[in-house]
Every structure is written in structure tokens, then in C-alpha cells.
Amino acid sequence: MKKNLLKILFLALFGTMICAGSWVQPTENKQAISKEWRFPTENELTKNWKWTKKEIEENLKVIGDFDGDRINDEAQLMVKKDHSAMGLLVVFSPKTDMEYWMLLDFGKPNTLKTYRISLKKPSVYQVSCQIKEPCLFCENKEPCKNGERSISIKTSTIVVNDKDAFIWNKKRSGFMELLNFS
């Protein structure tokens, strides 16, 4: 009995090390992100992409409860270590049931100079009716009025360039991109 228990513990521990150790690395706040992504350096932001100090502080990272678990998560603009891409990553709180991080958007590194993220608090917002039917966010399936409809957002929302948004969809356990968010 003891031998079997020890075998099970060894296999569980060994299997966990193989799975977790191959793609995550702890950061200073004990969250984990992919080893291939990193924060842009201040030198890159000011020299390559011409960001001002104020833009760096305001547009590089936002903090909010994106997945509705009442624990703050972080959305961060990052670059690949090999300089091949930039990306918008969400780093979930380590206390959540979710994987530690999720890539929401990516592009060529030069697109970072025009990419900005901000945060919208839970509320009711107007959105363009150009979204695909049925609207996954419209609770009352309200008809369009003058090309817009109201939707209720229950979690913090990541807004890109003041127009598009990534909103958590609890039923799908993932983010949905909503274009022309106002």
C-alpha cells in the first residue's frame, strides 16, 4: 500500500514538473507568463516607438477583474524576446482557476507604436450593431437603434485604441473581441 502511494505521488509530482516547467516562469509578483514574452524596455519604447513617459505609464498595462472572480488580473503589452512580434497578454491572478496567462492579440513589433490599452469598468455601454448575430453580450436582445444597441458588461473590460474591446464571456470561459466599442 505504501509503495503504491509513493509511486502515485512520484508520478503526480514528476508529471506536474514536466507540464508546468516547460512553458511558465514566475515573475516578481509570482504570476507566470510564457518564457518567450517580455515587457518592452523603456529604451525600446522611447527610441523605437517614440512613446513618452506618460504614455508608458498609461498605456502599457491595465489592472482589473477581467474574468469575474473578484481578483485583479493584468493586461499587458509585451514583445517577443526574439523581437518577432508584440502581443496583448492577460496575466491572471495565481489564485484563479484559469491558466496563468492568455494571448489576446498580436502583431508585428512596429504596430506597438500605435497600440494603446485602457480599462472600462463594469457598466452599460453602447456598441455598434455590426457585430455578428446573435449578440452574445445583449441580455434583452434589444433591437438596433440608429446602428447601436446597449449591452451590460459585468467585468472590467480591456479596450484597445479606444474603439475595440476584449470582454470576458463566462459561458465560454474566454475573451470575446467586440469591435467598435464606445
C-alpha atoms as a PDB file:
ATOM      1  CA  MET A   1       0.000   0.000   0.000  1.00  0.00           C
ATOM      2  CA  LYS A   2       2.800   2.422   0.962  1.00  0.00           C
ATOM      3  CA  LYS A   3       4.713   1.554  -2.221  1.00  0.00           C
ATOM      4  CA  ASN A   4       1.684   2.287  -4.407  1.00  0.00           C
ATOM      5  CA  LEU A   5       1.052   5.589  -2.623  1.00  0.00           C
ATOM      6  CA  LEU A   6       4.689   6.621  -3.092  1.00  0.00           C
ATOM      7  CA  LYS A   7       4.521   5.643  -6.772  1.00  0.00           C
ATOM      8  CA  ILE A   8       1.387   7.735  -7.277  1.00  0.00           C
ATOM      9  CA  LEU A   9       2.917  10.737  -5.512  1.00  0.00           C
ATOM     10  CA  PHE A  10       6.132  10.445  -7.550  1.00  0.00           C
ATOM     11  CA  LEU A  11       4.215  10.236 -10.860  1.00  0.00           C
ATOM     12  CA  ALA A  12       1.979  13.143  -9.924  1.00  0.00           C
ATOM     13  CA  LEU A  13       4.952  15.305  -8.926  1.00  0.00           C
ATOM     14  CA  PHE A  14       7.042  14.314 -11.963  1.00  0.00           C
ATOM     15  CA  GLY A  15       4.116  14.879 -14.368  1.00  0.00           C
ATOM     16  CA  THR A  16       3.421  18.315 -12.879  1.00  0.00           C
ATOM     17  CA  MET A  17       7.055  19.355 -13.276  1.00  0.00           C
ATOM     18  CA  ILE A  18       7.098  18.356 -16.928  1.00  0.00           C
ATOM     19  CA  CYS A  19       3.833  20.139 -17.764  1.00  0.00           C
ATOM     20  CA  ALA A  20       4.366  23.331 -15.781  1.00  0.00           C
ATOM     21  CA  GLY A  21       8.109  23.675 -16.114  1.00  0.00           C
ATOM     22  CA  SER A  22       8.159  23.684 -19.885  1.00  0.00           C
ATOM     23  CA  TRP A  23       6.193  26.881 -20.513  1.00  0.00           C
ATOM     24  CA  VAL A  24       5.938  29.055 -17.429  1.00  0.00           C
ATOM     25  CA  GLN A  25       8.284  31.123 -15.389  1.00  0.00           C
ATOM     26  CA  PRO A  26       7.372  33.054 -12.240  1.00  0.00           C
ATOM     27  CA  THR A  27       7.541  36.823 -12.380  1.00  0.00           C
ATOM     28  CA  GLU A  28       8.262  39.126  -9.463  1.00  0.00           C
ATOM     29  CA  ASN A  29       4.636  39.026  -8.316  1.00  0.00           C
ATOM     30  CA  LYS A  30       4.605  35.208  -8.516  1.00  0.00           C
ATOM     31  CA  GLN A  31       2.391  35.097 -11.592  1.00  0.00           C
ATOM     32  CA  ALA A  32       3.527  33.081 -14.561  1.00  0.00           C
ATOM     33  CA  ILE A  33       3.904  34.114 -18.191  1.00  0.00           C
ATOM     34  CA  SER A  34       5.348  32.448 -21.231  1.00  0.00           C
ATOM     35  CA  LYS A  35       9.133  32.447 -21.391  1.00  0.00           C
ATOM     36  CA  GLU A  36       9.001  33.814 -24.944  1.00  0.00           C
ATOM     37  CA  TRP A  37       7.355  37.137 -23.957  1.00  0.00           C
ATOM     38  CA  ARG A  38       8.811  40.113 -22.062  1.00  0.00           C
ATOM     39  CA  PHE A  39       7.968  43.697 -21.240  1.00  0.00           C
ATOM     40  CA  PRO A  40       9.329  46.236 -23.721  1.00  0.00           C
ATOM     41  CA  THR A  41      12.229  48.155 -22.264  1.00  0.00           C
ATOM     42  CA  GLU A  42      11.911  51.864 -21.619  1.00  0.00           C
ATOM     43  CA  ASN A  43      14.667  52.398 -24.196  1.00  0.00           C
ATOM     44  CA  GLU A  44      12.667  50.494 -26.859  1.00  0.00           C
ATOM     45  CA  LEU A  45       9.517  52.423 -26.058  1.00  0.00           C
ATOM     46  CA  THR A  46      11.120  55.864 -26.152  1.00  0.00           C
ATOM     47  CA  LYS A  47      13.571  55.303 -29.022  1.00  0.00           C
ATOM     48  CA  ASN A  48      11.922  52.748 -31.347  1.00  0.00           C
ATOM     49  CA  TRP A  49       8.249  53.525 -30.826  1.00  0.00           C
ATOM     50  CA  LYS A  50       8.515  57.165 -29.612  1.00  0.00           C
ATOM     51  CA  TRP A  51       6.374  56.661 -26.507  1.00  0.00           C
ATOM     52  CA  THR A  52       6.510  59.441 -23.930  1.00  0.00           C
ATOM     53  CA  LYS A  53       6.935  58.656 -20.223  1.00  0.00           C
ATOM     54  CA  LYS A  54       3.248  59.452 -19.685  1.00  0.00           C
ATOM     55  CA  GLU A  55       2.197  57.058 -22.491  1.00  0.00           C
ATOM     56  CA  ILE A  56       4.342  54.309 -20.966  1.00  0.00           C
ATOM     57  CA  GLU A  57       2.637  54.726 -17.583  1.00  0.00           C
ATOM     58  CA  GLU A  58      -0.893  54.934 -19.006  1.00  0.00           C
ATOM     59  CA  ASN A  59      -0.927  52.534 -21.965  1.00  0.00           C
ATOM     60  CA  LEU A  60       1.333  49.567 -21.247  1.00  0.00           C
ATOM     61  CA  LYS A  61      -0.632  47.777 -18.536  1.00  0.00           C
ATOM     62  CA  VAL A  62      -4.137  47.840 -17.036  1.00  0.00           C
ATOM     63  CA  ILE A  63      -5.355  46.094 -13.895  1.00  0.00           C
ATOM     64  CA  GLY A  64      -8.895  44.844 -13.318  1.00  0.00           C
ATOM     65  CA  ASP A  65     -11.052  41.820 -12.600  1.00  0.00           C
ATOM     66  CA  PHE A  66     -11.382  40.611 -16.189  1.00  0.00           C
ATOM     67  CA  ASP A  67     -12.751  37.108 -15.514  1.00  0.00           C
ATOM     68  CA  GLY A  68     -15.273  37.962 -12.779  1.00  0.00           C
ATOM     69  CA  ASP A  69     -13.613  36.066  -9.922  1.00  0.00           C
ATOM     70  CA  ARG A  70     -13.255  39.245  -7.786  1.00  0.00           C
ATOM     71  CA  ILE A  71      -9.443  39.055  -8.011  1.00  0.00           C
ATOM     72  CA  ASN A  72      -7.479  41.607 -10.058  1.00  0.00           C
ATOM     73  CA  ASP A  73      -5.718  40.429 -13.217  1.00  0.00           C
ATOM     74  CA  GLU A  74      -3.347  42.355 -15.521  1.00  0.00           C
ATOM     75  CA  ALA A  75      -3.485  43.053 -19.247  1.00  0.00           C
ATOM     76  CA  GLN A  76      -0.015  43.860 -20.573  1.00  0.00           C
ATOM     77  CA  LEU A  77       1.515  44.893 -23.885  1.00  0.00           C
ATOM     78  CA  MET A  78       4.584  42.735 -24.387  1.00  0.00           C
ATOM     79  CA  VAL A  79       7.135  41.853 -27.065  1.00  0.00           C
ATOM     80  CA  LYS A  80       8.617  38.507 -28.003  1.00  0.00           C
ATOM     81  CA  LYS A  81      12.170  38.010 -26.838  1.00  0.00           C
ATOM     82  CA  ASP A  82      13.261  37.444 -30.447  1.00  0.00           C
ATOM     83  CA  HIS A  83      11.624  40.788 -31.456  1.00  0.00           C
ATOM     84  CA  SER A  84       9.348  38.994 -33.964  1.00  0.00           C
ATOM     85  CA  ALA A  85       6.013  40.197 -32.528  1.00  0.00           C
ATOM     86  CA  MET A  86       4.180  42.309 -29.990  1.00  0.00           C
ATOM     87  CA  GLY A  87       1.215  40.995 -28.069  1.00  0.00           C
ATOM     88  CA  LEU A  88      -1.562  41.771 -25.643  1.00  0.00           C
ATOM     89  CA  LEU A  89      -1.429  39.230 -22.837  1.00  0.00           C
ATOM     90  CA  VAL A  90      -3.688  38.828 -19.832  1.00  0.00           C
ATOM     91  CA  VAL A  91      -1.939  37.535 -16.742  1.00  0.00           C
ATOM     92  CA  PHE A  92      -4.488  36.059 -14.371  1.00  0.00           C
ATOM     93  CA  SER A  93      -4.135  36.096 -10.619  1.00  0.00           C
ATOM     94  CA  PRO A  94      -2.421  32.933  -9.391  1.00  0.00           C
ATOM     95  CA  LYS A  95      -5.436  32.389  -7.100  1.00  0.00           C
ATOM     96  CA  THR A  96      -7.750  31.846 -10.065  1.00  0.00           C
ATOM     97  CA  ASP A  97      -8.851  28.561 -11.629  1.00  0.00           C
ATOM     98  CA  MET A  98      -7.646  29.828 -15.027  1.00  0.00           C
ATOM     99  CA  GLU A  99      -4.320  29.181 -16.707  1.00  0.00           C
ATOM    100  CA  TYR A 100      -1.894  31.892 -15.650  1.00  0.00           C
ATOM    101  CA  TRP A 101      -1.824  33.813 -18.932  1.00  0.00           C
ATOM    102  CA  MET A 102      -3.655  34.150 -22.238  1.00  0.00           C
ATOM    103  CA  LEU A 103      -2.604  35.818 -25.513  1.00  0.00           C
ATOM    104  CA  LEU A 104      -5.469  38.008 -26.795  1.00  0.00           C
ATOM    105  CA  ASP A 105      -3.904  39.820 -29.734  1.00  0.00           C
ATOM    106  CA  PHE A 106      -0.565  40.006 -31.533  1.00  0.00           C
ATOM    107  CA  GLY A 107       1.036  41.759 -34.451  1.00  0.00           C
ATOM    108  CA  LYS A 108       4.299  42.922 -35.944  1.00  0.00           C
ATOM    109  CA  PRO A 109       6.549  44.695 -33.437  1.00  0.00           C
ATOM    110  CA  ASN A 110       6.200  48.041 -35.250  1.00  0.00           C
ATOM    111  CA  THR A 111       2.435  48.048 -34.512  1.00  0.00           C
ATOM    112  CA  LEU A 112       3.264  48.620 -30.853  1.00  0.00           C
ATOM    113  CA  LYS A 113       3.805  52.330 -31.569  1.00  0.00           C
ATOM    114  CA  THR A 114       0.089  52.777 -32.353  1.00  0.00           C
ATOM    115  CA  TYR A 115      -1.329  50.225 -29.915  1.00  0.00           C
ATOM    116  CA  ARG A 116      -2.846  51.525 -26.664  1.00  0.00           C
ATOM    117  CA  ILE A 117      -4.796  49.710 -23.955  1.00  0.00           C
ATOM    118  CA  SER A 118      -7.150  51.137 -21.369  1.00  0.00           C
ATOM    119  CA  LEU A 119      -9.770  49.867 -18.942  1.00  0.00           C
ATOM    120  CA  LYS A 120     -13.547  50.240 -18.760  1.00  0.00           C
ATOM    121  CA  LYS A 121     -15.351  49.422 -15.540  1.00  0.00           C
ATOM    122  CA  PRO A 122     -18.478  47.211 -15.490  1.00  0.00           C
ATOM    123  CA  SER A 123     -21.466  49.223 -16.747  1.00  0.00           C
ATOM    124  CA  VAL A 124     -23.926  49.557 -19.632  1.00  0.00           C
ATOM    125  CA  TYR A 125     -22.318  50.583 -22.940  1.00  0.00           C
ATOM    126  CA  GLN A 126     -23.404  51.384 -26.475  1.00  0.00           C
ATOM    127  CA  VAL A 127     -21.988  49.128 -29.186  1.00  0.00           C
ATOM    128  CA  SER A 128     -22.232  49.086 -32.949  1.00  0.00           C
ATOM    129  CA  CYS A 129     -24.825  46.738 -34.411  1.00  0.00           C
ATOM    130  CA  GLN A 130     -22.252  45.472 -36.900  1.00  0.00           C
ATOM    131  CA  ILE A 131     -21.462  42.617 -34.517  1.00  0.00           C
ATOM    132  CA  LYS A 132     -22.466  39.106 -35.533  1.00  0.00           C
ATOM    133  CA  GLU A 133     -25.928  37.894 -34.579  1.00  0.00           C
ATOM    134  CA  PRO A 134     -26.892  36.746 -32.053  1.00  0.00           C
ATOM    135  CA  CYS A 135     -25.116  39.211 -29.822  1.00  0.00           C
ATOM    136  CA  LEU A 136     -23.523  37.217 -27.009  1.00  0.00           C
ATOM    137  CA  PHE A 137     -23.498  40.252 -24.711  1.00  0.00           C
ATOM    138  CA  CYS A 138     -27.016  41.618 -25.267  1.00  0.00           C
ATOM    139  CA  GLU A 139     -29.145  40.328 -22.418  1.00  0.00           C
ATOM    140  CA  ASN A 140     -32.506  41.535 -23.697  1.00  0.00           C
ATOM    141  CA  LYS A 141     -31.686  41.047 -27.398  1.00  0.00           C
ATOM    142  CA  GLU A 142     -32.517  44.712 -27.891  1.00  0.00           C
ATOM    143  CA  PRO A 143     -33.021  45.825 -31.477  1.00  0.00           C
ATOM    144  CA  CYS A 144     -30.606  48.252 -33.069  1.00  0.00           C
ATOM    145  CA  LYS A 145     -31.482  51.921 -32.849  1.00  0.00           C
ATOM    146  CA  ASN A 146     -29.537  54.212 -35.172  1.00  0.00           C
ATOM    147  CA  GLY A 147     -26.934  51.471 -35.682  1.00  0.00           C
ATOM    148  CA  GLU A 148     -26.268  50.915 -31.944  1.00  0.00           C
ATOM    149  CA  ARG A 149     -27.589  48.896 -29.022  1.00  0.00           C
ATOM    150  CA  SER A 150     -26.945  48.827 -25.273  1.00  0.00           C
ATOM    151  CA  ILE A 151     -25.133  45.956 -23.603  1.00  0.00           C
ATOM    152  CA  SER A 152     -24.404  45.299 -19.948  1.00  0.00           C
ATOM    153  CA  ILE A 153     -20.795  44.408 -19.112  1.00  0.00           C
ATOM    154  CA  LYS A 154     -20.306  42.713 -15.738  1.00  0.00           C
ATOM    155  CA  THR A 155     -16.488  42.567 -15.622  1.00  0.00           C
ATOM    156  CA  SER A 156     -13.668  45.023 -16.254  1.00  0.00           C
ATOM    157  CA  THR A 157     -13.039  45.338 -19.985  1.00  0.00           C
ATOM    158  CA  ILE A 158      -9.751  45.744 -21.883  1.00  0.00           C
ATOM    159  CA  VAL A 159     -10.129  48.463 -24.517  1.00  0.00           C
ATOM    160  CA  VAL A 160      -7.716  48.709 -27.452  1.00  0.00           C
ATOM    161  CA  ASN A 161      -7.111  52.079 -29.119  1.00  0.00           C
ATOM    162  CA  ASP A 162     -10.329  53.494 -27.598  1.00  0.00           C
ATOM    163  CA  LYS A 163     -12.520  51.507 -30.008  1.00  0.00           C
ATOM    164  CA  ASP A 164     -12.278  47.716 -29.736  1.00  0.00           C
ATOM    165  CA  ALA A 165     -12.667  45.665 -26.562  1.00  0.00           C
ATOM    166  CA  PHE A 166     -11.886  42.268 -25.104  1.00  0.00           C
ATOM    167  CA  ILE A 167     -14.719  41.202 -22.811  1.00  0.00           C
ATOM    168  CA  TRP A 168     -14.864  38.063 -20.672  1.00  0.00           C
ATOM    169  CA  ASN A 169     -17.611  35.629 -21.645  1.00  0.00           C
ATOM    170  CA  LYS A 170     -18.324  33.437 -18.628  1.00  0.00           C
ATOM    171  CA  LYS A 171     -20.229  30.797 -20.618  1.00  0.00           C
ATOM    172  CA  ARG A 172     -17.255  30.268 -22.933  1.00  0.00           C
ATOM    173  CA  SER A 173     -14.566  30.799 -20.220  1.00  0.00           C
ATOM    174  CA  GLY A 174     -12.708  33.094 -22.556  1.00  0.00           C
ATOM    175  CA  PHE A 175     -12.492  36.559 -24.035  1.00  0.00           C
ATOM    176  CA  MET A 176     -14.561  37.776 -26.945  1.00  0.00           C
ATOM    177  CA  GLU A 177     -13.414  40.665 -29.123  1.00  0.00           C
ATOM    178  CA  LEU A 178     -16.030  43.357 -29.631  1.00  0.00           C
ATOM    179  CA  LEU A 179     -15.354  45.834 -32.421  1.00  0.00           C
ATOM    180  CA  ASN A 180     -16.453  49.480 -32.359  1.00  0.00           C
ATOM    181  CA  PHE A 181     -16.985  49.550 -28.607  1.00  0.00           C
ATOM    182  CA  SER A 182     -17.839  53.021 -27.278  1.00  0.00           C
END
